[in-house]
Amino acid sequence: MPLSKGAASRLVLAYETAGVLLLLGFLWLDEWLDLPHRLFGSDPTPFNWVESAIESVILLTLGAAMLIWTRRIIKRIRYLEGLVSVCSFCKRIRVEPDKWVPIEVYISERSDAEFSHGLCPECYKRYYSDLDAD
């Protein structure tokens, strides 16, 4: 079963938060264990809590900005779902038991889509073939 928009957005924000927290944890773990020294044999460095605190503030600021930006983007996402009853002749959509609206109106009211009408080659041949004879 697909996730609802609310559940999907919460999941995305939770993954982003977890990613920021993992980076923050790795930053402090690296400072505490001196991973370059232990893994690659480089010169040992002393524990520098001031540098780690500054890096943490920068990381948390960027993480908060990323979460705010993602939340704004998610709020702009609009999508259609569910069963849509469409007339097989005129392509109007039933919105209430006795109310049918053109498909352009239905989609425009529920999304940011805009419509531009044209004429495909098949319909041109079917409905306007007499113009080619002139």
N, C-alpha and C. Protein backbone atom coordinates (compact mmCIF):
# COMPACT_ATOMS: atom_id res chain seq x y z
N MET A 1 0.86 -1.18 0.00
CA MET A 1 0.00 0.00 0.00
C MET A 1 0.90 1.24 0.00
N PRO A 2 0.65 2.20 -0.89
CA PRO A 2 1.47 3.40 -0.95
C PRO A 2 1.29 4.28 0.29
N LEU A 3 2.32 5.04 0.60
CA LEU A 3 2.26 5.95 1.74
C LEU A 3 1.43 7.18 1.40
N SER A 4 0.76 7.73 2.39
CA SER A 4 0.07 9.00 2.18
C SER A 4 1.11 10.11 2.08
N LYS A 5 0.68 11.26 1.58
CA LYS A 5 1.61 12.38 1.43
C LYS A 5 2.20 12.76 2.78
N GLY A 6 1.37 12.80 3.83
CA GLY A 6 1.86 13.16 5.16
C GLY A 6 2.88 12.17 5.69
N ALA A 7 2.59 10.87 5.51
CA ALA A 7 3.52 9.85 5.99
C ALA A 7 4.82 9.88 5.19
N ALA A 8 4.72 10.09 3.89
CA ALA A 8 5.92 10.14 3.05
C ALA A 8 6.78 11.35 3.42
N SER A 9 6.15 12.50 3.66
CA SER A 9 6.93 13.69 4.01
C SER A 9 7.59 13.52 5.37
N ARG A 10 6.89 12.92 6.33
CA ARG A 10 7.50 12.67 7.64
C ARG A 10 8.67 11.72 7.52
N LEU A 11 8.55 10.73 6.65
CA LEU A 11 9.63 9.77 6.45
C LEU A 11 10.86 10.45 5.83
N VAL A 12 10.65 11.29 4.83
CA VAL A 12 11.76 12.02 4.21
C VAL A 12 12.46 12.91 5.23
N LEU A 13 11.68 13.65 6.01
CA LEU A 13 12.26 14.53 7.03
C LEU A 13 12.98 13.73 8.12
N ALA A 14 12.45 12.57 8.47
CA ALA A 14 13.11 11.72 9.47
C ALA A 14 14.44 11.20 8.94
N TYR A 15 14.49 10.79 7.67
CA TYR A 15 15.75 10.33 7.08
C TYR A 15 16.78 11.46 7.02
N GLU A 16 16.34 12.64 6.65
CA GLU A 16 17.28 13.77 6.61
C GLU A 16 17.79 14.11 8.00
N THR A 17 16.91 14.09 9.00
CA THR A 17 17.32 14.36 10.37
C THR A 17 18.31 13.30 10.84
N ALA A 18 18.02 12.05 10.54
CA ALA A 18 18.93 10.97 10.92
C ALA A 18 20.29 11.14 10.26
N GLY A 19 20.30 11.57 9.00
CA GLY A 19 21.56 11.79 8.30
C GLY A 19 22.39 12.89 8.94
N VAL A 20 21.74 13.99 9.32
CA VAL A 20 22.45 15.09 9.98
C VAL A 20 22.99 14.62 11.33
N LEU A 21 22.18 13.89 12.08
CA LEU A 21 22.63 13.41 13.39
C LEU A 21 23.77 12.40 13.26
N LEU A 22 23.73 11.56 12.23
CA LEU A 22 24.84 10.63 12.00
C LEU A 22 26.13 11.38 11.67
N LEU A 23 26.02 12.40 10.84
CA LEU A 23 27.20 13.22 10.53
C LEU A 23 27.74 13.90 11.79
N LEU A 24 26.84 14.41 12.62
CA LEU A 24 27.26 15.05 13.86
C LEU A 24 27.96 14.05 14.78
N GLY A 25 27.39 12.87 14.88
CA GLY A 25 28.02 11.82 15.69
C GLY A 25 29.38 11.42 15.15
N PHE A 26 29.49 11.29 13.84
CA PHE A 26 30.77 10.93 13.23
C PHE A 26 31.81 12.03 13.46
N LEU A 27 31.37 13.29 13.39
CA LEU A 27 32.28 14.41 13.64
C LEU A 27 32.90 14.32 15.03
N TRP A 28 32.05 14.08 16.05
CA TRP A 28 32.56 13.98 17.42
C TRP A 28 33.35 12.68 17.63
N LEU A 29 32.92 11.60 17.00
CA LEU A 29 33.65 10.34 17.12
C LEU A 29 35.05 10.47 16.53
N ASP A 30 35.14 11.15 15.41
CA ASP A 30 36.44 11.37 14.79
C ASP A 30 37.34 12.20 15.69
N GLU A 31 36.76 13.22 16.31
CA GLU A 31 37.56 14.07 17.21
C GLU A 31 38.00 13.30 18.45
N TRP A 32 37.12 12.47 18.96
CA TRP A 32 37.42 11.73 20.19
C TRP A 32 38.41 10.59 19.94
N LEU A 33 38.22 9.84 18.85
CA LEU A 33 39.07 8.68 18.58
C LEU A 33 40.29 9.00 17.71
N ASP A 34 40.32 10.17 17.12
CA ASP A 34 41.40 10.56 16.21
C ASP A 34 41.57 9.50 15.11
N LEU A 35 40.51 9.33 14.34
CA LEU A 35 40.46 8.27 13.32
C LEU A 35 41.58 8.34 12.28
N PRO A 36 41.99 9.51 11.78
CA PRO A 36 43.11 9.50 10.83
C PRO A 36 44.39 8.89 11.42
N HIS A 37 44.62 9.13 12.71
CA HIS A 37 45.79 8.55 13.36
C HIS A 37 45.64 7.03 13.50
N ARG A 38 44.48 6.59 13.95
CA ARG A 38 44.26 5.15 14.17
C ARG A 38 44.16 4.35 12.87
N LEU A 39 43.51 4.92 11.85
CA LEU A 39 43.29 4.16 10.61
C LEU A 39 44.41 4.29 9.60
N PHE A 40 45.02 5.46 9.52
CA PHE A 40 45.99 5.71 8.45
C PHE A 40 47.40 6.00 8.96
N GLY A 41 47.58 5.99 10.26
CA GLY A 41 48.91 6.19 10.81
C GLY A 41 49.43 7.60 10.73
N SER A 42 48.56 8.60 10.58
CA SER A 42 49.03 9.99 10.53
C SER A 42 49.41 10.45 11.94
N ASP A 43 49.98 11.62 12.03
CA ASP A 43 50.38 12.15 13.33
C ASP A 43 49.16 12.32 14.22
N PRO A 44 49.29 11.98 15.51
CA PRO A 44 48.14 12.15 16.42
C PRO A 44 47.85 13.63 16.65
N THR A 45 46.57 13.93 16.84
CA THR A 45 46.16 15.30 17.13
C THR A 45 45.43 15.32 18.47
N PRO A 46 45.59 16.39 19.23
CA PRO A 46 44.89 16.46 20.52
C PRO A 46 43.39 16.70 20.32
N PHE A 47 42.64 16.35 21.34
CA PHE A 47 41.20 16.57 21.32
C PHE A 47 40.94 18.07 21.33
N ASN A 48 40.20 18.58 20.34
CA ASN A 48 39.94 20.00 20.20
C ASN A 48 38.44 20.22 20.25
N TRP A 49 37.90 20.44 21.44
CA TRP A 49 36.45 20.57 21.58
C TRP A 49 35.93 21.87 20.98
N VAL A 50 36.74 22.93 20.96
CA VAL A 50 36.29 24.20 20.38
C VAL A 50 36.05 24.04 18.87
N GLU A 51 37.00 23.41 18.19
CA GLU A 51 36.84 23.17 16.74
C GLU A 51 35.61 22.30 16.47
N SER A 52 35.44 21.25 17.27
CA SER A 52 34.28 20.37 17.08
C SER A 52 32.98 21.09 17.37
N ALA A 53 32.97 21.97 18.36
CA ALA A 53 31.76 22.72 18.67
C ALA A 53 31.40 23.66 17.52
N ILE A 54 32.40 24.34 16.96
CA ILE A 54 32.15 25.23 15.83
C ILE A 54 31.65 24.43 14.62
N GLU A 55 32.30 23.31 14.34
CA GLU A 55 31.85 22.46 13.23
C GLU A 55 30.43 21.95 13.48
N SER A 56 30.11 21.63 14.73
CA SER A 56 28.76 21.15 15.06
C SER A 56 27.72 22.23 14.81
N VAL A 57 28.03 23.47 15.20
CA VAL A 57 27.09 24.57 14.98
C VAL A 57 26.87 24.76 13.48
N ILE A 58 27.94 24.72 12.71
CA ILE A 58 27.82 24.87 11.25
C ILE A 58 26.99 23.73 10.67
N LEU A 59 27.28 22.50 11.10
CA LEU A 59 26.54 21.34 10.59
C LEU A 59 25.06 21.42 10.97
N LEU A 60 24.76 21.79 12.21
CA LEU A 60 23.36 21.89 12.64
C LEU A 60 22.63 23.02 11.93
N THR A 61 23.32 24.12 11.66
CA THR A 61 22.71 25.22 10.91
C THR A 61 22.38 24.79 9.49
N LEU A 62 23.34 24.13 8.84
CA LEU A 62 23.09 23.65 7.48
C LEU A 62 21.99 22.58 7.47
N GLY A 63 22.00 21.70 8.47
CA GLY A 63 20.97 20.66 8.57
C GLY A 63 19.58 21.26 8.76
N ALA A 64 19.48 22.29 9.62
CA ALA A 64 18.19 22.95 9.84
C ALA A 64 17.72 23.64 8.56
N ALA A 65 18.64 24.30 7.87
CA ALA A 65 18.28 24.95 6.60
C ALA A 65 17.80 23.91 5.58
N MET A 66 18.48 22.78 5.53
CA MET A 66 18.08 21.71 4.60
C MET A 66 16.69 21.19 4.95
N LEU A 67 16.41 20.98 6.23
CA LEU A 67 15.10 20.49 6.64
C LEU A 67 14.00 21.51 6.34
N ILE A 68 14.27 22.78 6.56
CA ILE A 68 13.28 23.83 6.25
C ILE A 68 13.01 23.87 4.75
N TRP A 69 14.08 23.81 3.96
CA TRP A 69 13.94 23.82 2.50
C TRP A 69 13.15 22.61 2.03
N THR A 70 13.48 21.43 2.55
CA THR A 70 12.76 20.21 2.16
C THR A 70 11.29 20.30 2.54
N ARG A 71 11.01 20.82 3.71
CA ARG A 71 9.61 20.94 4.15
C ARG A 71 8.82 21.87 3.24
N ARG A 72 9.45 22.97 2.83
CA ARG A 72 8.78 23.90 1.90
C ARG A 72 8.52 23.24 0.55
N ILE A 73 9.48 22.49 0.08
CA ILE A 73 9.31 21.78 -1.20
C ILE A 73 8.19 20.76 -1.09
N ILE A 74 8.15 20.01 -0.01
CA ILE A 74 7.12 18.99 0.18
C ILE A 74 5.74 19.62 0.24
N LYS A 75 5.62 20.79 0.86
CA LYS A 75 4.32 21.47 0.92
C LYS A 75 3.82 21.87 -0.46
N ARG A 76 4.75 22.12 -1.40
CA ARG A 76 4.36 22.53 -2.75
C ARG A 76 3.93 21.35 -3.61
N ILE A 77 4.29 20.14 -3.20
CA ILE A 77 3.96 18.97 -4.01
C ILE A 77 2.47 18.67 -3.89
N ARG A 78 1.83 18.58 -5.03
CA ARG A 78 0.42 18.22 -5.08
C ARG A 78 0.28 17.08 -6.08
N TYR A 79 -0.52 16.09 -5.72
CA TYR A 79 -0.71 14.99 -6.64
C TYR A 79 -2.12 14.44 -6.53
N LEU A 80 -2.52 13.80 -7.57
CA LEU A 80 -3.85 13.21 -7.61
C LEU A 80 -3.74 11.73 -7.29
N GLU A 81 -4.73 11.21 -6.58
CA GLU A 81 -4.73 9.79 -6.28
C GLU A 81 -6.16 9.31 -6.11
N GLY A 82 -6.33 8.03 -6.16
CA GLY A 82 -7.64 7.45 -5.97
C GLY A 82 -8.34 7.16 -7.29
N LEU A 83 -9.57 6.74 -7.19
CA LEU A 83 -10.37 6.39 -8.36
C LEU A 83 -11.06 7.64 -8.89
N VAL A 84 -10.88 7.92 -10.16
CA VAL A 84 -11.49 9.08 -10.81
C VAL A 84 -12.48 8.57 -11.84
N SER A 85 -13.74 9.00 -11.70
CA SER A 85 -14.78 8.57 -12.62
C SER A 85 -14.81 9.51 -13.81
N VAL A 86 -14.52 8.98 -15.01
CA VAL A 86 -14.44 9.78 -16.23
C VAL A 86 -15.49 9.30 -17.22
N CYS A 87 -16.21 10.25 -17.82
CA CYS A 87 -17.19 9.92 -18.86
C CYS A 87 -16.42 9.41 -20.08
N SER A 88 -16.84 8.29 -20.61
CA SER A 88 -16.12 7.69 -21.73
C SER A 88 -16.33 8.44 -23.05
N PHE A 89 -17.30 9.35 -23.10
CA PHE A 89 -17.53 10.11 -24.33
C PHE A 89 -16.92 11.52 -24.26
N CYS A 90 -17.35 12.31 -23.28
CA CYS A 90 -16.92 13.71 -23.24
C CYS A 90 -15.69 13.94 -22.36
N LYS A 91 -15.27 12.91 -21.63
CA LYS A 91 -14.08 12.96 -20.75
C LYS A 91 -14.24 13.91 -19.57
N ARG A 92 -15.50 14.24 -19.20
CA ARG A 92 -15.72 15.01 -17.99
C ARG A 92 -15.54 14.09 -16.79
N ILE A 93 -15.23 14.69 -15.65
CA ILE A 93 -14.97 13.93 -14.43
C ILE A 93 -16.06 14.21 -13.41
N ARG A 94 -16.55 13.14 -12.78
CA ARG A 94 -17.59 13.29 -11.76
C ARG A 94 -16.94 13.70 -10.44
N VAL A 95 -17.36 14.87 -9.91
CA VAL A 95 -16.83 15.35 -8.64
C VAL A 95 -17.84 15.20 -7.51
N GLU A 96 -19.11 15.11 -7.87
CA GLU A 96 -20.19 14.87 -6.93
C GLU A 96 -21.15 13.92 -7.64
N PRO A 97 -22.10 13.33 -6.93
CA PRO A 97 -23.01 12.39 -7.59
C PRO A 97 -23.69 12.94 -8.84
N ASP A 98 -24.03 14.23 -8.86
CA ASP A 98 -24.72 14.81 -10.01
C ASP A 98 -23.94 15.94 -10.67
N LYS A 99 -22.66 16.06 -10.41
CA LYS A 99 -21.89 17.16 -10.97
C LYS A 99 -20.68 16.62 -11.72
N TRP A 100 -20.57 17.04 -12.98
CA TRP A 100 -19.46 16.62 -13.84
C TRP A 100 -18.73 17.88 -14.31
N VAL A 101 -17.41 17.85 -14.29
CA VAL A 101 -16.63 19.01 -14.72
C VAL A 101 -15.64 18.58 -15.80
N PRO A 102 -15.25 19.50 -16.68
CA PRO A 102 -14.24 19.16 -17.69
C PRO A 102 -12.93 18.74 -17.02
N ILE A 103 -12.22 17.87 -17.69
CA ILE A 103 -10.98 17.34 -17.13
C ILE A 103 -9.97 18.45 -16.86
N GLU A 104 -9.97 19.49 -17.70
CA GLU A 104 -9.06 20.62 -17.49
C GLU A 104 -9.35 21.33 -16.18
N VAL A 105 -10.62 21.52 -15.87
CA VAL A 105 -11.02 22.18 -14.63
C VAL A 105 -10.62 21.32 -13.43
N TYR A 106 -10.90 20.03 -13.51
CA TYR A 106 -10.60 19.11 -12.42
C TYR A 106 -9.12 19.12 -12.08
N ILE A 107 -8.28 18.99 -13.08
CA ILE A 107 -6.83 18.92 -12.84
C ILE A 107 -6.29 20.28 -12.42
N SER A 108 -6.76 21.36 -13.02
CA SER A 108 -6.29 22.70 -12.66
C SER A 108 -6.62 23.05 -11.21
N GLU A 109 -7.78 22.63 -10.74
CA GLU A 109 -8.17 22.92 -9.36
C GLU A 109 -7.37 22.11 -8.35
N ARG A 110 -6.80 20.99 -8.77
CA ARG A 110 -6.12 20.10 -7.84
C ARG A 110 -4.61 20.04 -8.04
N SER A 111 -4.09 20.86 -8.91
CA SER A 111 -2.65 20.87 -9.16
C SER A 111 -2.24 22.23 -9.69
N ASP A 112 -0.98 22.38 -9.99
CA ASP A 112 -0.48 23.63 -10.57
C ASP A 112 -0.38 23.53 -12.09
N ALA A 113 -0.98 22.50 -12.66
CA ALA A 113 -0.92 22.30 -14.11
C ALA A 113 -1.77 23.34 -14.82
N GLU A 114 -1.29 23.77 -15.97
CA GLU A 114 -2.03 24.68 -16.83
C GLU A 114 -2.23 23.98 -18.16
N PHE A 115 -3.31 24.31 -18.84
CA PHE A 115 -3.63 23.64 -20.08
C PHE A 115 -3.51 24.57 -21.27
N SER A 116 -3.04 24.01 -22.35
CA SER A 116 -2.99 24.68 -23.63
C SER A 116 -3.59 23.70 -24.63
N HIS A 117 -4.54 24.13 -25.39
CA HIS A 117 -5.21 23.22 -26.29
C HIS A 117 -4.60 23.27 -27.69
N GLY A 118 -4.57 22.13 -28.30
CA GLY A 118 -4.07 22.00 -29.66
C GLY A 118 -4.89 20.96 -30.39
N LEU A 119 -4.39 20.51 -31.50
CA LEU A 119 -5.11 19.53 -32.31
C LEU A 119 -4.09 18.50 -32.80
N CYS A 120 -4.28 17.25 -32.42
CA CYS A 120 -3.34 16.21 -32.84
C CYS A 120 -3.59 15.87 -34.32
N PRO A 121 -2.60 15.28 -35.01
CA PRO A 121 -2.76 14.97 -36.43
C PRO A 121 -3.95 14.05 -36.73
N GLU A 122 -4.23 13.08 -35.87
CA GLU A 122 -5.35 12.16 -36.11
C GLU A 122 -6.69 12.89 -36.07
N CYS A 123 -6.87 13.77 -35.08
CA CYS A 123 -8.13 14.52 -34.99
C CYS A 123 -8.24 15.53 -36.12
N TYR A 124 -7.12 16.09 -36.53
CA TYR A 124 -7.14 17.02 -37.65
C TYR A 124 -7.64 16.30 -38.90
N LYS A 125 -7.13 15.10 -39.16
CA LYS A 125 -7.57 14.33 -40.32
C LYS A 125 -9.04 13.94 -40.20
N ARG A 126 -9.45 13.57 -38.99
CA ARG A 126 -10.82 13.10 -38.79
C ARG A 126 -11.84 14.24 -38.92
N TYR A 127 -11.56 15.37 -38.32
CA TYR A 127 -12.55 16.44 -38.26
C TYR A 127 -12.34 17.57 -39.28
N TYR A 128 -11.13 17.72 -39.79
CA TYR A 128 -10.87 18.83 -40.69
C TYR A 128 -10.26 18.38 -42.01
N SER A 129 -10.49 17.15 -42.39
CA SER A 129 -9.92 16.66 -43.65
C SER A 129 -10.48 17.41 -44.85
N ASP A 130 -11.69 17.95 -44.74
CA ASP A 130 -12.27 18.70 -45.85
C ASP A 130 -11.51 20.00 -46.13
N LEU A 131 -10.76 20.52 -45.16
CA LEU A 131 -9.97 21.73 -45.38
C LEU A 131 -8.77 21.46 -46.28
N ASP A 132 -8.26 20.24 -46.25
CA ASP A 132 -7.13 19.90 -47.11
C ASP A 132 -7.54 19.84 -48.59
N ALA A 133 -8.81 19.55 -48.84
CA ALA A 133 -9.28 19.46 -50.22
C ALA A 133 -9.34 20.82 -50.88
N ASP A 134 -9.47 21.88 -50.10
CA ASP A 134 -9.59 23.24 -50.65
C ASP A 134 -8.29 23.78 -51.13
